[in-house]
């Protein structure tokens, strides 16, 4: 749960910096906002999938180490 909160905080910081860094303001029209939301949703979904895969790999490695220690 803590990792999820940290991930959202980092994402919020990135989104704010993405909004403030351009020299001009990004118009809030649907034709600009919709692709932005879709791409960020895909990015966060891919990030979440990668984190889950990393946790599974790490857990499998820990189980192998425990099994080897028991021998």
N, C-alpha and C. Protein backbone atom coordinates (compact mmCIF):
# COMPACT_ATOMS: atom_id res chain seq x y z
N UNK A 1 0.83 -1.19 0.00
CA UNK A 1 0.00 0.00 0.00
C UNK A 1 0.87 1.25 0.00
N UNK A 2 1.96 1.20 0.78
CA UNK A 2 2.86 2.36 0.86
C UNK A 2 3.49 2.65 -0.50
N UNK A 3 3.86 1.59 -1.22
CA UNK A 3 4.46 1.77 -2.55
C UNK A 3 3.48 2.42 -3.52
N UNK A 4 2.21 2.08 -3.39
CA UNK A 4 1.19 2.66 -4.25
C UNK A 4 1.06 4.16 -3.98
N UNK A 5 1.07 4.54 -2.71
CA UNK A 5 0.97 5.95 -2.35
C UNK A 5 2.18 6.72 -2.87
N UNK A 6 3.36 6.15 -2.70
CA UNK A 6 4.58 6.79 -3.20
C UNK A 6 4.52 6.92 -4.72
N UNK A 7 4.03 5.91 -5.38
CA UNK A 7 3.89 5.95 -6.83
C UNK A 7 2.97 7.07 -7.28
N UNK A 8 1.84 7.24 -6.57
CA UNK A 8 0.92 8.32 -6.93
C UNK A 8 1.52 9.69 -6.65
N UNK A 9 2.30 9.81 -5.59
CA UNK A 9 2.95 11.09 -5.29
C UNK A 9 3.96 11.43 -6.38
N UNK A 10 4.75 10.46 -6.78
CA UNK A 10 5.72 10.68 -7.86
C UNK A 10 5.00 11.03 -9.15
N UNK A 11 3.92 10.32 -9.44
CA UNK A 11 3.16 10.60 -10.65
C UNK A 11 2.58 12.01 -10.62
N UNK A 12 2.09 12.43 -9.47
CA UNK A 12 1.53 13.78 -9.35
C UNK A 12 2.61 14.83 -9.58
N UNK A 13 3.79 14.60 -9.02
CA UNK A 13 4.89 15.55 -9.22
C UNK A 13 5.27 15.62 -10.70
N UNK A 14 5.32 14.47 -11.35
CA UNK A 14 5.64 14.46 -12.78
C UNK A 14 4.57 15.16 -13.61
N UNK A 15 3.32 14.93 -13.28
CA UNK A 15 2.24 15.58 -14.02
C UNK A 15 2.26 17.09 -13.83
N UNK A 16 2.52 17.54 -12.61
CA UNK A 16 2.59 18.97 -12.35
C UNK A 16 3.77 19.59 -13.10
N UNK A 17 4.91 18.93 -13.06
CA UNK A 17 6.07 19.47 -13.78
C UNK A 17 5.84 19.45 -15.28
N UNK A 18 5.14 18.42 -15.76
CA UNK A 18 4.82 18.35 -17.18
C UNK A 18 3.91 19.51 -17.57
N UNK A 19 3.05 19.91 -16.68
CA UNK A 19 2.14 21.01 -16.95
C UNK A 19 2.85 22.36 -16.87
N UNK A 20 3.78 22.53 -15.94
CA UNK A 20 4.42 23.82 -15.72
C UNK A 20 5.64 24.08 -16.61
N UNK A 21 6.29 23.06 -17.10
CA UNK A 21 7.52 23.25 -17.86
C UNK A 21 7.36 23.87 -19.25
N UNK A 22 6.29 23.59 -19.98
CA UNK A 22 6.20 24.20 -21.31
C UNK A 22 6.13 25.74 -21.20
N UNK A 23 6.61 26.41 -22.26
CA UNK A 23 6.62 27.89 -22.23
C UNK A 23 5.21 28.44 -22.28
N UNK A 24 4.31 27.76 -22.93
CA UNK A 24 2.93 28.23 -23.00
C UNK A 24 2.01 27.26 -22.28
N UNK A 25 0.84 27.72 -21.92
CA UNK A 25 -0.11 26.83 -21.25
C UNK A 25 -0.71 25.86 -22.25
N UNK A 26 -0.94 24.67 -21.79
CA UNK A 26 -1.58 23.66 -22.63
C UNK A 26 -3.07 23.92 -22.60
N UNK A 27 -3.71 24.07 -23.75
CA UNK A 27 -5.15 24.34 -23.75
C UNK A 27 -5.92 23.16 -23.16
N UNK A 28 -6.98 23.46 -22.44
CA UNK A 28 -7.79 22.43 -21.80
C UNK A 28 -8.93 21.97 -22.69
N UNK A 29 -8.67 21.86 -23.94
CA UNK A 29 -9.70 21.41 -24.87
C UNK A 29 -9.70 19.89 -24.92
N UNK A 30 -10.83 19.35 -25.30
CA UNK A 30 -10.99 17.90 -25.35
C UNK A 30 -9.97 17.25 -26.29
N UNK A 31 -9.67 17.90 -27.39
CA UNK A 31 -8.75 17.28 -28.36
C UNK A 31 -7.33 17.17 -27.80
N UNK A 32 -6.97 17.98 -26.81
CA UNK A 32 -5.66 17.87 -26.17
C UNK A 32 -5.71 17.04 -24.90
N UNK A 33 -6.79 17.17 -24.17
CA UNK A 33 -6.90 16.51 -22.88
C UNK A 33 -7.10 15.00 -23.01
N UNK A 34 -7.92 14.57 -23.96
CA UNK A 34 -8.22 13.15 -24.13
C UNK A 34 -6.98 12.31 -24.42
N UNK A 35 -6.14 12.68 -25.40
CA UNK A 35 -4.93 11.87 -25.62
C UNK A 35 -3.99 11.87 -24.42
N UNK A 36 -3.91 13.00 -23.72
CA UNK A 36 -3.07 13.09 -22.53
C UNK A 36 -3.53 12.08 -21.48
N UNK A 37 -4.82 12.03 -21.22
CA UNK A 37 -5.37 11.11 -20.22
C UNK A 37 -5.16 9.66 -20.66
N UNK A 38 -5.41 9.36 -21.92
CA UNK A 38 -5.26 7.99 -22.42
C UNK A 38 -3.81 7.53 -22.31
N UNK A 39 -2.88 8.36 -22.75
CA UNK A 39 -1.47 7.97 -22.71
C UNK A 39 -0.97 7.81 -21.28
N UNK A 40 -1.37 8.68 -20.39
CA UNK A 40 -0.94 8.54 -19.00
C UNK A 40 -1.57 7.32 -18.34
N UNK A 41 -2.80 7.00 -18.70
CA UNK A 41 -3.44 5.80 -18.18
C UNK A 41 -2.68 4.55 -18.64
N UNK A 42 -2.31 4.53 -19.90
CA UNK A 42 -1.52 3.40 -20.41
C UNK A 42 -0.17 3.32 -19.72
N UNK A 43 0.47 4.46 -19.50
CA UNK A 43 1.76 4.49 -18.83
C UNK A 43 1.65 3.95 -17.40
N UNK A 44 0.65 4.41 -16.66
CA UNK A 44 0.50 3.95 -15.27
C UNK A 44 0.12 2.48 -15.20
N UNK A 45 -0.68 2.01 -16.16
CA UNK A 45 -1.01 0.59 -16.21
C UNK A 45 0.21 -0.25 -16.46
N UNK A 46 1.05 0.20 -17.39
CA UNK A 46 2.29 -0.52 -17.69
C UNK A 46 3.23 -0.49 -16.49
N UNK A 47 3.29 0.63 -15.81
CA UNK A 47 4.12 0.75 -14.62
C UNK A 47 3.64 -0.22 -13.54
N UNK A 48 2.33 -0.30 -13.33
CA UNK A 48 1.77 -1.20 -12.32
C UNK A 48 2.05 -2.65 -12.65
N UNK A 49 1.93 -3.00 -13.92
CA UNK A 49 2.22 -4.36 -14.36
C UNK A 49 3.69 -4.71 -14.12
N UNK A 50 4.56 -3.77 -14.42
CA UNK A 50 5.99 -3.99 -14.20
C UNK A 50 6.32 -4.16 -12.73
N UNK A 51 5.68 -3.38 -11.87
CA UNK A 51 5.91 -3.51 -10.42
C UNK A 51 5.45 -4.89 -9.92
N UNK A 52 4.28 -5.34 -10.40
CA UNK A 52 3.80 -6.66 -9.99
C UNK A 52 4.75 -7.76 -10.44
N UNK A 53 5.25 -7.65 -11.66
CA UNK A 53 6.19 -8.65 -12.17
C UNK A 53 7.47 -8.64 -11.34
N UNK A 54 7.95 -7.47 -10.99
CA UNK A 54 9.16 -7.34 -10.18
C UNK A 54 8.95 -7.99 -8.81
N UNK A 55 7.79 -7.76 -8.19
CA UNK A 55 7.51 -8.34 -6.88
C UNK A 55 7.47 -9.87 -6.95
N UNK A 56 6.87 -10.41 -8.02
CA UNK A 56 6.81 -11.86 -8.17
C UNK A 56 8.20 -12.46 -8.34
N UNK A 57 9.03 -11.81 -9.14
CA UNK A 57 10.40 -12.30 -9.34
C UNK A 57 11.18 -12.24 -8.04
N UNK A 58 11.02 -11.16 -7.30
CA UNK A 58 11.73 -11.02 -6.03
C UNK A 58 11.25 -12.05 -5.02
N UNK A 59 9.95 -12.31 -4.97
CA UNK A 59 9.40 -13.31 -4.05
C UNK A 59 9.89 -14.71 -4.41
N UNK A 60 9.94 -15.01 -5.70
CA UNK A 60 10.43 -16.32 -6.13
C UNK A 60 11.90 -16.50 -5.75
N UNK A 61 12.68 -15.45 -5.89
CA UNK A 61 14.09 -15.52 -5.51
C UNK A 61 14.24 -15.75 -4.00
N UNK A 62 13.43 -15.05 -3.21
CA UNK A 62 13.48 -15.25 -1.75
C UNK A 62 13.10 -16.68 -1.37
N UNK A 63 12.10 -17.24 -2.04
CA UNK A 63 11.70 -18.62 -1.76
C UNK A 63 12.80 -19.60 -2.13
N UNK A 64 13.49 -19.36 -3.25
CA UNK A 64 14.61 -20.24 -3.63
C UNK A 64 15.73 -20.15 -2.60
N UNK A 65 16.00 -18.95 -2.12
CA UNK A 65 17.05 -18.79 -1.11
C UNK A 65 16.68 -19.48 0.19
N UNK A 66 15.42 -19.40 0.61
CA UNK A 66 14.97 -20.07 1.83
C UNK A 66 15.05 -21.58 1.66
N UNK A 67 14.65 -22.08 0.50
CA UNK A 67 14.72 -23.52 0.24
C UNK A 67 16.15 -24.01 0.26
N UNK A 68 17.06 -23.22 -0.28
CA UNK A 68 18.47 -23.61 -0.29
C UNK A 68 19.04 -23.57 1.13
N UNK A 69 18.62 -22.63 1.95
CA UNK A 69 19.09 -22.56 3.33
C UNK A 69 18.59 -23.73 4.16
N UNK A 70 17.43 -24.28 3.85
CA UNK A 70 16.86 -25.41 4.60
C UNK A 70 17.58 -26.71 4.31
N UNK A 71 18.24 -26.80 3.18
CA UNK A 71 18.90 -28.05 2.80
C UNK A 71 20.10 -28.33 3.64
